[in-house]
Amino acid sequence: MAELDDVQRAILAALATMNAPAGCGDIAKKAGLATPKVVAKMRGLLNGKLVERPAEGKYVIAAAGRSAQG
């Protein structure tokens, strides 16, 4: 995946602190972002295998996402 932007990094950082799969609204709140921004970035993070979707509308950080954080 290409270089992560600030929004993608904030999403991954928020997911890294969550103990259970979370929806975009919860991720947005934790990251201090607007929910539509999180929704817009989630597909790219999924396609890049940085996040996983264990249930419809719920996301967790993947091992590659943890590695991408630095």
PDB file of N, CA and C in Angstrom:
ATOM      1  N   MET A   1       0.840  -1.178   0.000  1.00  0.00           N
ATOM      2  CA  MET A   1       0.000   0.000   0.000  1.00  0.00           C
ATOM      3  C   MET A   1       0.881   1.235   0.000  1.00  0.00           C
ATOM      4  N   ALA A   2       0.425   2.288  -0.637  1.00  0.00           N
ATOM      5  CA  ALA A   2       1.170   3.543  -0.702  1.00  0.00           C
ATOM      6  C   ALA A   2       1.297   4.144   0.694  1.00  0.00           C
ATOM      7  N   GLU A   3       2.047   5.208   0.775  1.00  0.00           N
ATOM      8  CA  GLU A   3       2.233   5.915   2.039  1.00  0.00           C
ATOM      9  C   GLU A   3       0.881   6.267   2.664  1.00  0.00           C
ATOM     10  N   LEU A   4       0.776   6.052   3.955  1.00  0.00           N
ATOM     11  CA  LEU A   4      -0.466   6.362   4.664  1.00  0.00           C
ATOM     12  C   LEU A   4      -0.599   7.864   4.870  1.00  0.00           C
ATOM     13  N   ASP A   5      -1.835   8.369   4.760  1.00  0.00           N
ATOM     14  CA  ASP A   5      -2.054   9.786   5.050  1.00  0.00           C
ATOM     15  C   ASP A   5      -2.408   9.937   6.532  1.00  0.00           C
ATOM     16  N   ASP A   6      -2.571  11.187   6.974  1.00  0.00           N
ATOM     17  CA  ASP A   6      -2.821  11.451   8.392  1.00  0.00           C
ATOM     18  C   ASP A   6      -4.108  10.800   8.891  1.00  0.00           C
ATOM     19  N   VAL A   7      -5.146  10.802   8.061  1.00  0.00           N
ATOM     20  CA  VAL A   7      -6.424  10.210   8.460  1.00  0.00           C
ATOM     21  C   VAL A   7      -6.271   8.701   8.627  1.00  0.00           C
ATOM     22  N   GLN A   8      -5.608   8.052   7.685  1.00  0.00           N
ATOM     23  CA  GLN A   8      -5.402   6.607   7.783  1.00  0.00           C
ATOM     24  C   GLN A   8      -4.575   6.263   9.022  1.00  0.00           C
ATOM     25  N   ARG A   9      -3.543   7.044   9.300  1.00  0.00           N
ATOM     26  CA  ARG A   9      -2.734   6.794  10.499  1.00  0.00           C
ATOM     27  C   ARG A   9      -3.565   6.962  11.769  1.00  0.00           C
ATOM     28  N   ALA A  10      -4.439   7.969  11.796  1.00  0.00           N
ATOM     29  CA  ALA A  10      -5.292   8.188  12.968  1.00  0.00           C
ATOM     30  C   ALA A  10      -6.267   7.025  13.155  1.00  0.00           C
ATOM     31  N   ILE A  11      -6.809   6.510  12.058  1.00  0.00           N
ATOM     32  CA  ILE A  11      -7.719   5.362  12.132  1.00  0.00           C
ATOM     33  C   ILE A  11      -6.990   4.146  12.699  1.00  0.00           C
ATOM     34  N   LEU A  12      -5.814   3.867  12.185  1.00  0.00           N
ATOM     35  CA  LEU A  12      -5.049   2.711  12.680  1.00  0.00           C
ATOM     36  C   LEU A  12      -4.678   2.879  14.150  1.00  0.00           C
ATOM     37  N   ALA A  13      -4.283   4.085  14.538  1.00  0.00           N
ATOM     38  CA  ALA A  13      -3.932   4.331  15.937  1.00  0.00           C
ATOM     39  C   ALA A  13      -5.137   4.107  16.843  1.00  0.00           C
ATOM     40  N   ALA A  14      -6.306   4.569  16.415  1.00  0.00           N
ATOM     41  CA  ALA A  14      -7.517   4.374  17.207  1.00  0.00           C
ATOM     42  C   ALA A  14      -7.853   2.890  17.318  1.00  0.00           C
ATOM     43  N   LEU A  15      -7.811   2.181  16.191  1.00  0.00           N
ATOM     44  CA  LEU A  15      -8.119   0.747  16.215  1.00  0.00           C
ATOM     45  C   LEU A  15      -7.145  -0.026  17.098  1.00  0.00           C
ATOM     46  N   ALA A  16      -5.889   0.398  17.126  1.00  0.00           N
ATOM     47  CA  ALA A  16      -4.874  -0.298  17.920  1.00  0.00           C
ATOM     48  C   ALA A  16      -5.178  -0.241  19.412  1.00  0.00           C
ATOM     49  N   THR A  17      -5.970   0.746  19.839  1.00  0.00           N
ATOM     50  CA  THR A  17      -6.285   0.884  21.261  1.00  0.00           C
ATOM     51  C   THR A  17      -7.602   0.226  21.635  1.00  0.00           C
ATOM     52  N   MET A  18      -8.343  -0.255  20.644  1.00  0.00           N
ATOM     53  CA  MET A  18      -9.675  -0.815  20.906  1.00  0.00           C
ATOM     54  C   MET A  18      -9.576  -2.318  21.171  1.00  0.00           C
ATOM     55  N   ASN A  19     -10.362  -2.780  22.130  1.00  0.00           N
ATOM     56  CA  ASN A  19     -10.298  -4.181  22.548  1.00  0.00           C
ATOM     57  C   ASN A  19     -11.289  -5.079  21.830  1.00  0.00           C
ATOM     58  N   ALA A  20     -12.164  -4.507  21.021  1.00  0.00           N
ATOM     59  CA  ALA A  20     -13.185  -5.290  20.323  1.00  0.00           C
ATOM     60  C   ALA A  20     -13.427  -4.658  18.955  1.00  0.00           C
ATOM     61  N   PRO A  21     -13.974  -5.421  18.019  1.00  0.00           N
ATOM     62  CA  PRO A  21     -14.307  -4.849  16.715  1.00  0.00           C
ATOM     63  C   PRO A  21     -15.195  -3.615  16.891  1.00  0.00           C
ATOM     64  N   ALA A  22     -14.924  -2.585  16.085  1.00  0.00           N
ATOM     65  CA  ALA A  22     -15.619  -1.309  16.234  1.00  0.00           C
ATOM     66  C   ALA A  22     -16.175  -0.830  14.908  1.00  0.00           C
ATOM     67  N   GLY A  23     -17.268  -0.102  14.986  1.00  0.00           N
ATOM     68  CA  GLY A  23     -17.867   0.529  13.818  1.00  0.00           C
ATOM     69  C   GLY A  23     -17.185   1.848  13.506  1.00  0.00           C
ATOM     70  N   CYS A  24     -17.468   2.387  12.342  1.00  0.00           N
ATOM     71  CA  CYS A  24     -16.833   3.630  11.902  1.00  0.00           C
ATOM     72  C   CYS A  24     -17.115   4.796  12.842  1.00  0.00           C
ATOM     73  N   GLY A  25     -18.319   4.864  13.409  1.00  0.00           N
ATOM     74  CA  GLY A  25     -18.645   5.941  14.343  1.00  0.00           C
ATOM     75  C   GLY A  25     -17.781   5.905  15.585  1.00  0.00           C
ATOM     76  N   ASP A  26     -17.579   4.716  16.142  1.00  0.00           N
ATOM     77  CA  ASP A  26     -16.736   4.571  17.329  1.00  0.00           C
ATOM     78  C   ASP A  26     -15.276   4.860  17.006  1.00  0.00           C
ATOM     79  N   ILE A  27     -14.819   4.401  15.850  1.00  0.00           N
ATOM     80  CA  ILE A  27     -13.443   4.661  15.424  1.00  0.00           C
ATOM     81  C   ILE A  27     -13.239   6.162  15.250  1.00  0.00           C
ATOM     82  N   ALA A  28     -14.203   6.817  14.607  1.00  0.00           N
ATOM     83  CA  ALA A  28     -14.117   8.263  14.379  1.00  0.00           C
ATOM     84  C   ALA A  28     -14.019   9.019  15.693  1.00  0.00           C
ATOM     85  N   LYS A  29     -14.856   8.641  16.654  1.00  0.00           N
ATOM     86  CA  LYS A  29     -14.855   9.314  17.959  1.00  0.00           C
ATOM     87  C   LYS A  29     -13.505   9.151  18.635  1.00  0.00           C
ATOM     88  N   LYS A  30     -12.977   7.935  18.614  1.00  0.00           N
ATOM     89  CA  LYS A  30     -11.688   7.646  19.262  1.00  0.00           C
ATOM     90  C   LYS A  30     -10.540   8.393  18.573  1.00  0.00           C
ATOM     91  N   ALA A  31     -10.637   8.540  17.243  1.00  0.00           N
ATOM     92  CA  ALA A  31      -9.572   9.184  16.461  1.00  0.00           C
ATOM     93  C   ALA A  31      -9.739  10.697  16.373  1.00  0.00           C
ATOM     94  N   GLY A  32     -10.888  11.212  16.832  1.00  0.00           N
ATOM     95  CA  GLY A  32     -11.128  12.651  16.724  1.00  0.00           C
ATOM     96  C   GLY A  32     -11.417  13.091  15.295  1.00  0.00           C
ATOM     97  N   LEU A  33     -12.058  12.211  14.527  1.00  0.00           N
ATOM     98  CA  LEU A  33     -12.361  12.477  13.119  1.00  0.00           C
ATOM     99  C   LEU A  33     -13.868  12.464  12.897  1.00  0.00           C
ATOM    100  N   ALA A  34     -14.287  13.018  11.771  1.00  0.00           N
ATOM    101  CA  ALA A  34     -15.683  12.923  11.358  1.00  0.00           C
ATOM    102  C   ALA A  34     -15.936  11.515  10.822  1.00  0.00           C
ATOM    103  N   THR A  35     -17.089  10.963  11.148  1.00  0.00           N
ATOM    104  CA  THR A  35     -17.422   9.609  10.696  1.00  0.00           C
ATOM    105  C   THR A  35     -17.323   9.452   9.179  1.00  0.00           C
ATOM    106  N   PRO A  36     -17.808  10.409   8.361  1.00  0.00           N
ATOM    107  CA  PRO A  36     -17.676  10.233   6.904  1.00  0.00           C
ATOM    108  C   PRO A  36     -16.227  10.099   6.426  1.00  0.00           C
ATOM    109  N   LYS A  37     -15.286  10.738   7.130  1.00  0.00           N
ATOM    110  CA  LYS A  37     -13.867  10.600   6.758  1.00  0.00           C
ATOM    111  C   LYS A  37     -13.390   9.169   6.997  1.00  0.00           C
ATOM    112  N   VAL A  38     -13.814   8.587   8.105  1.00  0.00           N
ATOM    113  CA  VAL A  38     -13.427   7.211   8.415  1.00  0.00           C
ATOM    114  C   VAL A  38     -14.039   6.257   7.392  1.00  0.00           C
ATOM    115  N   VAL A  39     -15.312   6.446   7.113  1.00  0.00           N
ATOM    116  CA  VAL A  39     -15.987   5.599   6.125  1.00  0.00           C
ATOM    117  C   VAL A  39     -15.261   5.668   4.784  1.00  0.00           C
ATOM    118  N   ALA A  40     -14.881   6.876   4.374  1.00  0.00           N
ATOM    119  CA  ALA A  40     -14.232   7.062   3.074  1.00  0.00           C
ATOM    120  C   ALA A  40     -12.874   6.367   2.991  1.00  0.00           C
ATOM    121  N   LYS A  41     -12.176   6.247   4.099  1.00  0.00           N
ATOM    122  CA  LYS A  41     -10.826   5.653   4.096  1.00  0.00           C
ATOM    123  C   LYS A  41     -10.829   4.150   4.343  1.00  0.00           C
ATOM    124  N   MET A  42     -11.922   3.621   4.870  1.00  0.00           N
ATOM    125  CA  MET A  42     -11.922   2.224   5.310  1.00  0.00           C
ATOM    126  C   MET A  42     -11.706   1.244   4.161  1.00  0.00           C
ATOM    127  N   ARG A  43     -12.274   1.480   2.998  1.00  0.00           N
ATOM    128  CA  ARG A  43     -12.108   0.545   1.879  1.00  0.00           C
ATOM    129  C   ARG A  43     -10.626   0.404   1.498  1.00  0.00           C
ATOM    130  N   GLY A  44      -9.917   1.508   1.431  1.00  0.00           N
ATOM    131  CA  GLY A  44      -8.491   1.451   1.106  1.00  0.00           C
ATOM    132  C   GLY A  44      -7.698   0.690   2.150  1.00  0.00           C
ATOM    133  N   LEU A  45      -8.049   0.880   3.419  1.00  0.00           N
ATOM    134  CA  LEU A  45      -7.368   0.149   4.485  1.00  0.00           C
ATOM    135  C   LEU A  45      -7.684  -1.339   4.418  1.00  0.00           C
ATOM    136  N   LEU A  46      -8.919  -1.673   4.080  1.00  0.00           N
ATOM    137  CA  LEU A  46      -9.289  -3.080   3.894  1.00  0.00           C
ATOM    138  C   LEU A  46      -8.552  -3.685   2.708  1.00  0.00           C
ATOM    139  N   ASN A  47      -8.558  -2.982   1.580  1.00  0.00           N
ATOM    140  CA  ASN A  47      -7.880  -3.480   0.380  1.00  0.00           C
ATOM    141  C   ASN A  47      -6.381  -3.633   0.604  1.00  0.00           C
ATOM    142  N   GLY A  48      -5.817  -2.756   1.425  1.00  0.00           N
ATOM    143  CA  GLY A  48      -4.394  -2.833   1.747  1.00  0.00           C
ATOM    144  C   GLY A  48      -4.083  -3.849   2.829  1.00  0.00           C
ATOM    145  N   LYS A  49      -5.113  -4.533   3.317  1.00  0.00           N
ATOM    146  CA  LYS A  49      -4.985  -5.568   4.345  1.00  0.00           C
ATOM    147  C   LYS A  49      -4.443  -5.016   5.673  1.00  0.00           C
ATOM    148  N   LEU A  50      -4.698  -3.714   5.913  1.00  0.00           N
ATOM    149  CA  LEU A  50      -4.266  -3.099   7.163  1.00  0.00           C
ATOM    150  C   LEU A  50      -5.331  -3.212   8.243  1.00  0.00           C
ATOM    151  N   VAL A  51      -6.578  -3.390   7.826  1.00  0.00           N
ATOM    152  CA  VAL A  51      -7.670  -3.671   8.761  1.00  0.00           C
ATOM    153  C   VAL A  51      -8.440  -4.873   8.248  1.00  0.00           C
ATOM    154  N   GLU A  52      -9.163  -5.513   9.156  1.00  0.00           N
ATOM    155  CA  GLU A  52      -9.999  -6.662   8.815  1.00  0.00           C
ATOM    156  C   GLU A  52     -11.414  -6.371   9.271  1.00  0.00           C
ATOM    157  N   ARG A  53     -12.385  -7.026   8.643  1.00  0.00           N
ATOM    158  CA  ARG A  53     -13.794  -6.859   8.988  1.00  0.00           C
ATOM    159  C   ARG A  53     -14.337  -8.211   9.453  1.00  0.00           C
ATOM    160  N   PRO A  54     -14.292  -8.474  10.774  1.00  0.00           N
ATOM    161  CA  PRO A  54     -14.763  -9.763  11.285  1.00  0.00           C
ATOM    162  C   PRO A  54     -16.281  -9.897  11.252  1.00  0.00           C
ATOM    163  N   ALA A  55     -16.997  -8.780  11.193  1.00  0.00           N
ATOM    164  CA  ALA A  55     -18.458  -8.784  11.117  1.00  0.00           C
ATOM    165  C   ALA A  55     -18.873  -7.564  10.292  1.00  0.00           C
ATOM    166  N   GLU A  56     -20.049  -7.616   9.716  1.00  0.00           N
ATOM    167  CA  GLU A  56     -20.528  -6.524   8.885  1.00  0.00           C
ATOM    168  C   GLU A  56     -20.511  -5.204   9.672  1.00  0.00           C
ATOM    169  N   GLY A  57     -19.786  -4.223   9.138  1.00  0.00           N
ATOM    170  CA  GLY A  57     -19.741  -2.907   9.756  1.00  0.00           C
ATOM    171  C   GLY A  57     -18.826  -2.781  10.953  1.00  0.00           C
ATOM    172  N   LYS A  58     -18.046  -3.816  11.251  1.00  0.00           N
ATOM    173  CA  LYS A  58     -17.120  -3.801  12.392  1.00  0.00           C
ATOM    174  C   LYS A  58     -15.709  -4.072  11.891  1.00  0.00           C
ATOM    175  N   TYR A  59     -14.746  -3.379  12.475  1.00  0.00           N
ATOM    176  CA  TYR A  59     -13.370  -3.456  12.000  1.00  0.00           C
ATOM    177  C   TYR A  59     -12.399  -3.651  13.148  1.00  0.00           C
ATOM    178  N   VAL A  60     -11.284  -4.316  12.849  1.00  0.00           N
ATOM    179  CA  VAL A  60     -10.163  -4.468  13.764  1.00  0.00           C
ATOM    180  C   VAL A  60      -8.881  -4.207  12.977  1.00  0.00           C
ATOM    181  N   ILE A  61      -7.847  -3.817  13.682  1.00  0.00           N
ATOM    182  CA  ILE A  61      -6.557  -3.603  13.031  1.00  0.00           C
ATOM    183  C   ILE A  61      -5.930  -4.970  12.736  1.00  0.00           C
ATOM    184  N   ALA A  62      -5.327  -5.110  11.577  1.00  0.00           N
ATOM    185  CA  ALA A  62      -4.653  -6.350  11.181  1.00  0.00           C
ATOM    186  C   ALA A  62      -3.171  -6.254  11.583  1.00  0.00           C
ATOM    187  N   ALA A  63      -2.487  -7.361  11.547  1.00  0.00           N
ATOM    188  CA  ALA A  63      -1.057  -7.378  11.868  1.00  0.00           C
ATOM    189  C   ALA A  63      -0.291  -6.395  10.980  1.00  0.00           C
ATOM    190  N   ALA A  64      -0.639  -6.346   9.695  1.00  0.00           N
ATOM    191  CA  ALA A  64       0.035  -5.421   8.779  1.00  0.00           C
ATOM    192  C   ALA A  64      -0.249  -3.967   9.164  1.00  0.00           C
ATOM    193  N   GLY A  65      -1.425  -3.712   9.706  1.00  0.00           N
ATOM    194  CA  GLY A  65      -1.764  -2.367  10.163  1.00  0.00           C
ATOM    195  C   GLY A  65      -0.935  -1.954  11.356  1.00  0.00           C
ATOM    196  N   ARG A  66      -0.704  -2.896  12.248  1.00  0.00           N
ATOM    197  CA  ARG A  66       0.160  -2.610  13.400  1.00  0.00           C
ATOM    198  C   ARG A  66       1.591  -2.325  12.931  1.00  0.00           C
ATOM    199  N   SER A  67       2.063  -3.107  11.976  1.00  0.00           N
ATOM    200  CA  SER A  67       3.412  -2.908  11.445  1.00  0.00           C
ATOM    201  C   SER A  67       3.543  -1.573  10.728  1.00  0.00           C
ATOM    202  N   ALA A  68       2.495  -1.173  10.023  1.00  0.00           N
ATOM    203  CA  ALA A  68       2.516   0.075   9.244  1.00  0.00           C
ATOM    204  C   ALA A  68       2.559   1.300  10.141  1.00  0.00           C
ATOM    205  N   GLN A  69       2.186   1.154  11.393  1.00  0.00           N
ATOM    206  CA  GLN A  69       2.205   2.283  12.314  1.00  0.00           C
ATOM    207  C   GLN A  69       3.620   2.731  12.646  1.00  0.00           C
ATOM    208  N   GLY A  70       4.570   1.842  12.464  1.00  0.00           N
ATOM    209  CA  GLY A  70       5.955   2.207  12.743  1.00  0.00           C
ATOM    210  C   GLY A  70       6.334   1.736  14.047  1.00  0.00           C
TER     211      GLY A  70
END
